[in-house]
Protein backbone atom coordinates (compact mmCIF):
# COMPACT_ATOMS: atom_id res chain seq x y z
CA MET A 1 13.13 58.85 35.31
CA ALA A 2 14.38 57.71 31.55
CA ARG A 3 18.06 59.71 32.64
CA ALA A 4 18.49 58.51 35.76
CA ALA A 5 17.69 55.35 34.53
CA ALA A 6 20.40 55.49 31.57
CA THR A 7 22.83 56.70 34.26
CA SER A 8 22.09 54.01 37.11
CA ARG A 9 22.94 51.56 33.83
CA SER A 10 26.29 53.09 33.29
CA ALA A 11 27.10 52.87 36.82
CA LYS A 12 26.88 49.23 37.32
CA ARG A 13 29.24 48.74 33.94
CA PRO A 14 31.87 46.50 35.05
CA VAL A 15 35.40 47.25 34.94
CA GLU A 16 35.96 44.60 32.05
CA TYR A 17 33.46 46.83 29.41
CA SER A 18 35.28 50.43 30.63
CA ILE A 19 39.03 48.63 29.99
CA LEU A 20 37.64 47.36 26.63
CA LEU A 21 36.08 50.36 25.58
CA THR A 22 39.04 51.95 26.79
CA ALA A 23 41.58 50.40 24.80
CA THR A 24 39.89 49.76 21.49
CA LEU A 25 39.23 53.88 21.66
CA CYS A 26 42.91 54.18 22.01
CA LEU A 27 43.73 52.18 19.15
CA LEU A 28 41.67 53.75 17.14
CA ALA A 29 43.31 56.75 18.12
CA VAL A 30 46.76 55.43 17.31
CA GLY A 31 45.30 54.30 13.82
CA ALA A 32 43.87 57.64 12.86
CA VAL A 33 47.57 59.43 13.62
CA MET A 34 49.54 57.05 12.18
CA VAL A 35 47.37 56.91 9.06
CA TYR A 36 47.52 60.02 8.13
CA SER A 37 51.50 59.92 8.84
CA ALA A 38 51.92 56.81 7.09
CA SER A 39 49.91 57.44 4.01
CA SER A 40 49.88 61.68 3.74
CA ALA A 41 53.31 61.85 1.63
CA GLU A 42 51.89 59.30 -0.94
CA SER A 43 49.05 60.77 -1.11
CA LEU A 44 49.97 63.92 -1.62
CA LEU A 45 52.31 62.85 -4.63
CA GLN A 46 51.10 60.13 -6.45
CA GLY A 47 47.50 59.75 -4.98
CA PRO A 48 44.63 61.71 -5.39
CA GLY A 49 46.94 65.27 -4.35
CA ASP A 50 44.94 65.36 -1.28
CA PRO A 51 47.40 64.45 2.26
CA SER A 52 44.47 63.70 4.90
CA PHE A 53 42.35 61.57 1.94
CA TYR A 54 42.98 58.02 3.60
CA LEU A 55 42.50 59.80 7.16
CA LYS A 56 39.07 61.13 6.07
CA ARG A 57 37.87 57.59 5.11
CA TYR A 58 39.65 55.91 7.92
CA LEU A 59 37.48 58.62 9.85
CA MET A 60 34.30 57.94 8.06
CA PHE A 61 34.49 54.37 8.44
CA GLY A 62 35.60 54.76 12.14
CA LEU A 63 32.53 56.64 12.75
CA VAL A 64 30.38 54.44 11.26
CA GLY A 65 32.39 51.18 13.06
CA LEU A 66 31.29 52.86 16.06
CA ALA A 67 27.54 53.48 15.72
CA VAL A 68 27.50 50.10 15.14
CA LEU A 69 29.42 48.93 18.00
CA HIS A 70 27.20 51.32 20.01
CA PHE A 71 24.24 49.20 18.63
CA LEU A 72 25.85 45.95 19.05
CA ALA A 73 26.69 46.94 23.10
CA ARG A 74 23.50 46.92 23.46
CA ARG A 75 21.89 44.03 21.87
CA GLY A 76 24.64 42.09 20.46
CA MET A 77 24.96 39.14 22.02
CA GLU A 78 20.56 38.34 21.72
CA LEU A 79 21.08 39.55 17.70
CA ALA A 80 24.03 37.44 17.35
CA ARG A 81 22.50 34.52 18.62
CA ARG A 82 19.48 34.81 16.48
CA PHE A 83 21.30 35.65 12.97
CA THR A 84 24.40 33.37 13.16
CA GLY A 85 23.15 30.79 10.67
CA VAL A 86 22.16 34.05 8.20
CA LEU A 87 25.39 35.75 8.86
CA LEU A 88 27.06 32.44 7.89
CA GLY A 89 25.52 31.56 4.57
CA GLY A 90 25.41 35.32 3.31
CA SER A 91 29.08 35.48 3.83
CA PHE A 92 29.89 32.30 2.03
CA VAL A 93 27.69 33.53 -0.98
CA LEU A 94 29.55 36.69 -1.22
CA CYS A 95 32.89 34.71 -1.04
CA LEU A 96 31.71 32.81 -4.09
CA ALA A 97 30.45 35.92 -5.51
CA VAL A 98 33.76 37.42 -5.39
CA MET A 99 35.08 34.56 -7.71
CA VAL A 100 32.33 35.34 -10.66
CA PRO A 101 34.14 36.94 -13.22
CA GLY A 102 33.13 40.94 -13.63
CA VAL A 103 31.80 41.05 -10.31
CA GLY A 104 35.28 40.33 -8.11
CA VAL A 105 37.43 43.45 -8.26
CA THR A 106 41.52 42.37 -8.18
CA VAL A 107 44.19 44.06 -6.45
CA ASN A 108 47.40 43.43 -6.26
CA GLY A 109 47.24 40.00 -8.15
CA ALA A 110 44.35 39.33 -5.17
CA THR A 111 40.27 38.77 -5.94
CA ARG A 112 38.65 39.42 -2.16
CA TRP A 113 36.34 42.68 -2.90
CA LEU A 114 33.11 43.22 -4.37
CA GLY A 115 31.84 46.67 -5.22
CA ALA A 116 33.07 49.74 -7.44
CA GLY A 117 35.67 52.81 -6.78
CA PRO A 118 35.97 53.86 -4.06
CA LEU A 119 33.29 52.09 -2.07
CA GLN A 120 34.85 48.15 -1.89
CA PHE A 121 33.69 45.01 0.48
CA GLN A 122 36.01 42.43 1.88
CA PRO A 123 33.35 39.10 2.69
CA SER A 124 36.24 37.29 4.08
CA GLU A 125 36.25 40.27 6.93
CA LEU A 126 32.57 39.02 7.39
CA LEU A 127 33.28 35.42 7.29
CA LYS A 128 35.67 35.22 9.66
CA VAL A 129 33.35 36.64 12.25
CA SER A 130 30.98 34.87 11.41
CA LEU A 131 32.35 31.84 11.91
CA VAL A 132 33.37 32.48 15.07
CA LEU A 133 29.87 33.48 16.24
CA TYR A 134 28.85 29.61 14.20
CA ALA A 135 31.57 27.97 16.43
CA ALA A 136 30.63 29.52 20.02
CA HIS A 137 26.94 28.46 18.86
CA LEU A 138 27.60 24.88 18.11
CA LEU A 139 30.22 24.23 20.67
CA ALA A 140 27.79 25.66 23.63
CA SER A 141 24.38 23.50 21.97
CA ARG A 142 26.59 20.29 21.39
CA PRO A 143 29.26 20.71 24.33
CA ARG A 144 30.02 16.69 23.91
CA THR A 145 31.16 17.58 20.41
CA VAL A 146 34.73 18.38 21.60
CA LYS A 147 35.65 14.85 22.94
CA SER A 148 36.43 13.36 19.19
CA VAL A 149 38.19 14.41 16.43
CA LYS A 150 34.42 13.19 14.44
CA GLY A 151 32.48 15.31 16.57
CA LEU A 152 34.33 17.93 16.12
CA SER A 153 34.40 16.98 12.23
CA ARG A 154 30.93 17.75 11.45
CA PRO A 155 30.15 20.06 10.99
CA LEU A 156 32.07 22.66 12.67
CA LEU A 157 35.67 21.45 11.13
CA LEU A 158 33.81 20.89 7.81
CA VAL A 159 32.73 24.44 7.56
CA VAL A 160 35.56 25.88 8.49
CA GLY A 161 37.80 23.96 5.88
CA ALA A 162 35.45 24.96 3.48
CA ALA A 163 35.90 28.20 4.03
CA CYS A 164 39.09 27.99 4.19
CA ALA A 165 39.17 26.54 0.92
CA LEU A 166 37.46 29.19 -0.53
CA LEU A 167 39.90 31.70 1.16
CA LEU A 168 42.71 29.96 -0.51
CA LYS A 169 41.40 29.97 -3.87
CA GLN A 170 41.03 34.09 -3.47
CA PRO A 171 43.53 33.95 -2.72
CA ASP A 172 43.64 35.10 1.15
CA MET A 173 45.96 32.42 3.46
CA GLY A 174 46.18 35.23 5.91
CA THR A 175 42.75 35.49 6.33
CA ALA A 176 42.38 31.91 6.51
CA MET A 177 44.98 31.21 9.55
CA VAL A 178 43.38 34.20 11.48
CA ILE A 179 40.59 31.75 11.01
CA CYS A 180 42.33 28.78 11.98
CA PHE A 181 44.44 29.91 14.87
CA ALA A 182 41.47 31.83 16.49
CA THR A 183 38.70 28.43 15.71
CA GLY A 184 42.25 26.50 17.83
CA ALA A 185 41.49 28.94 20.42
CA LEU A 186 37.79 28.80 20.82
CA LEU A 187 38.62 24.59 21.29
CA ILE A 188 40.86 25.13 23.75
CA ALA A 189 38.25 27.67 25.74
CA ALA A 190 35.47 24.91 24.96
CA GLY A 191 37.51 21.83 26.75
CA THR A 192 38.97 19.66 23.83
CA PRO A 193 41.37 17.26 25.20
CA ILE A 194 45.26 18.15 24.04
CA ARG A 195 45.71 14.88 22.49
CA LYS A 196 42.82 15.71 20.01
CA LEU A 197 43.84 19.50 19.15
CA ALA A 198 47.37 18.15 18.54
CA LEU A 199 45.96 15.61 15.91
CA ILE A 200 44.26 18.65 14.20
CA GLY A 201 47.01 21.02 14.48
CA GLY A 202 49.33 18.94 13.12
CA GLY A 203 46.83 18.39 10.11
CA LEU A 204 46.86 21.35 9.44
CA VAL A 205 50.27 22.34 9.84
CA ALA A 206 51.64 19.39 6.90
CA ALA A 207 48.52 20.78 4.71
CA ALA A 208 49.57 24.19 4.68
CA LEU A 209 53.40 22.94 3.85
CA VAL A 210 51.51 21.47 0.84
CA LEU A 211 50.12 24.57 0.18
CA ALA A 212 52.58 26.47 0.47
CA ILE A 213 55.19 24.63 -1.64
CA VAL A 214 52.73 24.04 -4.25
CA GLU A 215 51.60 27.64 -5.10
CA PRO A 216 54.68 29.19 -6.69
CA TYR A 217 53.71 32.82 -4.89
CA ARG A 218 53.74 31.46 -1.42
CA ARG A 219 56.87 29.08 -1.79
CA GLU A 220 58.61 32.44 -2.63
CA ARG A 221 57.37 34.05 0.32
CA LEU A 222 58.49 31.41 2.47
CA THR A 223 61.56 30.84 0.93
CA SER A 224 62.12 34.98 0.88
CA PHE A 225 60.78 34.74 4.73
CA LEU A 226 63.74 32.56 5.66
CA ASP A 227 66.63 35.57 4.05
CA PRO A 228 64.96 38.10 3.27
CA PHE A 229 67.94 39.66 2.62
CA SER A 230 69.31 37.43 -0.09
CA ASP A 231 66.69 38.93 -2.42
CA ALA A 232 66.51 42.51 -0.92
CA GLY A 233 65.17 44.01 -4.17
CA ASP A 234 62.84 41.33 -5.28
CA SER A 235 60.54 38.91 -2.81
CA GLY A 236 62.08 40.00 0.20
CA PHE A 237 61.90 43.77 -0.55
CA GLN A 238 59.16 44.43 1.84
CA ALA A 239 60.42 42.08 4.90
CA VAL A 240 63.55 44.32 4.40
CA GLN A 241 62.00 47.72 4.49
CA ALA A 242 59.99 46.90 7.23
CA LEU A 243 63.06 45.74 9.22
CA THR A 244 65.25 48.87 8.02
CA ALA A 245 62.22 51.33 9.49
CA ILE A 246 62.19 49.03 12.78
CA GLY A 247 65.70 49.74 12.93
CA SER A 248 66.03 52.75 12.37
CA GLY A 249 63.47 54.07 14.60
CA GLY A 250 65.61 52.18 17.86
CA PHE A 251 63.96 52.85 21.10
CA PHE A 252 61.98 56.39 20.75
CA GLY A 253 61.57 56.75 17.07
CA VAL A 254 62.76 59.71 14.87
CA GLY A 255 59.90 61.42 15.30
CA LEU A 256 56.29 61.46 14.93
CA GLY A 257 56.02 62.34 10.83
CA GLU A 258 59.53 61.91 10.29
CA SER A 259 59.37 58.17 8.24
CA VAL A 260 61.92 57.54 5.90
CA GLN A 261 60.44 54.26 4.93
CA LYS A 262 56.72 55.48 4.06
CA ILE A 263 57.99 57.74 0.85
CA PHE A 264 57.88 54.77 -1.72
CA TYR A 265 60.20 52.91 0.01
CA LEU A 266 58.05 50.36 2.29
CA PRO A 267 54.38 49.08 0.16
CA GLU A 268 51.37 49.07 2.06
CA ALA A 269 52.79 51.54 4.60
CA HIS A 270 49.66 52.23 6.07
CA THR A 271 47.69 49.11 5.81
CA ASP A 272 49.69 45.86 6.13
CA MET A 273 52.94 47.18 7.74
CA ILE A 274 51.42 50.21 9.05
CA LEU A 275 53.50 48.79 12.35
CA ALA A 276 56.79 49.36 10.68
CA ILE A 277 56.45 53.32 10.33
CA ILE A 278 55.06 52.87 13.81
CA GLY A 279 58.16 51.35 15.08
CA GLU A 280 60.41 53.96 13.10
CA GLU A 281 58.92 57.35 14.06
CA VAL A 282 57.79 55.80 17.71
CA GLY A 283 60.49 53.49 18.31
CA LEU A 284 60.21 50.50 20.36
CA LEU A 285 58.61 52.52 23.14
CA GLY A 286 55.32 52.89 20.91
CA ILE A 287 55.26 49.08 19.64
CA LEU A 288 55.37 48.39 23.41
CA GLY A 289 52.17 50.44 23.67
CA VAL A 290 50.33 49.25 21.55
CA VAL A 291 51.04 45.57 22.71
CA PHE A 292 50.14 46.59 25.89
CA LEU A 293 46.60 48.02 24.61
CA TYR A 294 45.95 44.58 22.70
CA ALA A 295 46.84 43.54 25.92
CA MET A 296 44.50 45.11 28.08
CA ILE A 297 41.88 43.91 24.80
CA GLY A 298 43.04 40.72 26.11
CA TYR A 299 42.60 40.56 29.46
CA ALA A 300 39.36 41.94 29.94
CA GLY A 301 38.01 39.94 26.97
CA LEU A 302 39.25 36.81 28.96
CA ARG A 303 37.81 37.86 32.03
CA THR A 304 34.46 38.70 30.34
CA ALA A 305 34.34 35.67 29.77
CA LYS A 306 35.00 33.82 32.76
CA LEU A 307 32.64 35.72 34.22
CA ALA A 308 29.72 35.43 31.91
CA ARG A 309 26.78 33.01 33.19
CA ASP A 310 26.08 31.63 29.91
CA ARG A 311 27.84 28.88 28.51
CA TYR A 312 27.18 30.62 25.17
CA ALA A 313 28.10 34.12 25.92
CA LYS A 314 31.59 32.39 27.64
CA LEU A 315 32.52 31.10 24.28
CA LEU A 316 31.50 33.62 22.36
CA ALA A 317 33.62 36.53 24.83
CA ALA A 318 36.35 34.37 24.16
CA GLY A 319 36.47 33.66 20.64
CA ILE A 320 35.95 37.61 20.05
CA THR A 321 38.93 37.94 21.75
CA SER A 322 41.09 35.58 20.26
CA LEU A 323 40.16 36.38 16.97
CA ILE A 324 41.33 40.13 17.76
CA LEU A 325 44.64 38.78 19.69
CA CYS A 326 45.39 36.04 16.82
CA GLN A 327 44.94 39.10 13.64
CA ALA A 328 47.22 41.36 16.37
CA THR A 329 49.76 38.41 17.13
CA LEU A 330 49.91 37.55 12.92
CA ASN A 331 50.30 40.84 11.78
CA PHE A 332 53.28 41.37 14.34
CA PHE A 333 55.06 38.85 14.16
CA ALA A 334 55.01 39.13 9.79
CA VAL A 335 56.26 42.83 10.18
CA LEU A 336 58.88 41.64 12.59
CA GLY A 337 60.21 39.15 10.29
CA MET A 338 59.12 36.06 12.24
CA MET A 339 56.76 34.51 10.12
CA PRO A 340 55.96 34.71 5.78
CA LEU A 341 53.86 37.92 5.14
CA THR A 342 50.43 37.17 5.36
CA GLY A 343 48.44 40.31 4.22
CA VAL A 344 46.65 40.48 7.58
CA PRO A 345 45.87 44.22 8.78
CA LEU A 346 46.25 45.33 12.26
CA PRO A 347 43.09 45.34 13.97
CA PHE A 348 41.53 48.92 14.27
CA ILE A 349 45.10 50.44 13.57
CA SER A 350 45.46 49.32 9.65
CA TYR A 351 43.54 51.04 7.24
CA GLY A 352 41.11 49.13 5.40
CA SER A 353 37.07 49.78 5.73
CA THR A 354 35.78 46.43 5.74
CA ASN A 355 37.81 44.97 8.51
CA LEU A 356 37.62 48.46 10.76
CA ILE A 357 34.09 47.73 10.78
CA VAL A 358 33.61 44.37 10.64
CA LEU A 359 35.78 43.79 13.98
CA LEU A 360 34.35 46.76 15.51
CA ALA A 361 30.75 45.02 15.23
CA ALA A 362 32.44 41.86 17.24
CA THR A 363 33.73 44.70 20.11
CA GLY A 364 30.32 45.58 20.53
CA ILE A 365 28.98 42.16 20.96
CA LEU A 366 31.62 41.52 23.20
CA LEU A 367 30.85 44.46 25.07
CA ASN A 368 27.39 43.55 25.33
CA VAL A 369 28.66 40.03 27.20
CA ALA A 370 30.86 42.42 29.33
CA ALA A 371 27.85 44.58 30.37
CA THR A 372 25.27 41.96 30.87
CA GLY A 373 27.40 39.03 32.09
CA GLY A 374 26.15 37.60 29.58
CA ARG A 375 23.06 36.10 31.23
CA ALA A 376 20.39 34.63 29.53
CA THR A 377 17.09 33.90 29.10
CA GLY A 378 15.67 31.52 31.64
CA ALA A 379 19.10 30.68 32.60
CA GLN A 380 19.31 28.89 36.39
CA LYS A 381 23.14 28.02 36.65
CA ARG A 382 26.40 29.20 35.35
CA PRO A 383 28.23 26.38 33.54
CA ALA A 384 31.77 26.60 33.59
CA LEU A 385 34.53 26.07 30.85
CA ARG A 386 37.94 25.30 32.69
CA ALA A 387 40.24 26.22 30.26
CA ILE A 388 38.46 29.99 31.39
CA GLU A 389 37.28 29.05 35.14
CA GLY A 390 40.81 27.87 36.11
CA GLY A 391 39.38 24.71 37.08
CA ARG A 392 35.94 25.81 38.74
CA ASP A 393 33.34 23.55 38.64
CA ALA A 394 29.44 24.38 37.78
CA THR A 395 29.04 25.30 41.15
CA GLY A 396 30.99 27.81 41.89
CA ARG A 397 33.77 25.01 44.04
CA ASP A 398 37.40 24.20 42.13
CA SER A 399 39.05 20.77 41.67
CA ARG A 400 40.81 20.93 45.02
CA GLY A 401 37.33 21.13 46.84
CA ARG A 402 37.73 24.90 47.81
CA ASP A 403 34.81 27.44 48.27
CA GLY A 404 34.62 29.63 46.17
CA GLY A 405 33.06 32.55 48.12
CA ALA A 406 34.62 35.02 49.98
CA ARG A 407 37.32 34.38 52.37
CA ARG A 408 36.75 34.70 56.54
CA THR A 409 40.04 35.98 58.47
CA GLY A 410 41.00 34.55 61.79
CA THR A 411 39.97 31.39 63.54
CA GLY A 412 36.97 32.35 64.90
CA GLY A 413 35.60 33.34 61.14
CA ARG A 414 36.59 29.22 60.15
CA ARG A 415 34.95 28.64 63.42
CA ARG A 416 31.61 29.97 62.10
CA ALA A 417 32.02 28.98 58.72
CA ALA A 418 32.33 24.87 59.71
CA GLN A 419 28.97 25.49 61.98
């Protein structure tokens, strides 16, 4: 009986669930291959002497993340609704703990990690997911707050601003940018007027420019982005090497495992810059394949948000989907030289224990929304979000008065419908 019930449940899973799971597993497979290819030479010659060192760790953390995904795919939305406050408060406390001398771990001039030795945890990764859960909960329970900047500011934008201030102190501007873009996408989904969004966005752009100019290392990254080849041996070195790798790959690439840039030329080849190695070894075709997998996640995630029968579930699905896509887009733009380098990893592909586990957990929640349709206990009607529904109202009719049900063919069908 139990086996029959499990088979029945799996048979009823919608196509969005299958697309999300398939795309995620494919990205993990790509990540395992490319992490090994990008890190094997360096870890053998300058690291622990084991060419598969980073691959083993990637697989270990990936298995942990998949276990969390499997658990949250069954109860994720319920647990997210219940523990959002605890998760957000804990994330802030951990981000503050990073700044305590002797507690935070500094790597490459940034203090973003907790822990010691091989086991390190990056609280900012947990913070960005917690903020998406919090924003979805707040906007679902207070739908009128989107009508004014004042309503959005108290408390949503204040909380997001405090989180970004903590991240800039570490410094971690890349994660702060991911949070801002994902929050903006969530506000669009919640129906925030365009004028209000433009006002908030203009303020953020002005603040970002001021921060970039005031801080010397950010100013250096900005100027090197504008012309990386003017200082190819120093501030523009990483950007130039990434562009060289992608340019060398051409359309089909030089061959899997045959990258030259990964051997002491391109810094962080297996983490932030892994897309450049994909471009060199598998070419433009490989990059387009990765884009297609993220597009699958975007399509299935937004379809999940559209079909969900609960406002909170709609916003939750839209927020998690936006978080994954915003992070992937920022990484793509940085590696391709279309924006300054931010240190944002490529979701599910880059090596990074905390990022991998946290994003797989968030995907588990998204799968739970897809599997259950986001049905909340006691929900009597299906509230609509115009940005997701395409103009439909809560009764299922769109703004032009057309019924959302199945269409009838022929004139006889129209007469019967009229009767």
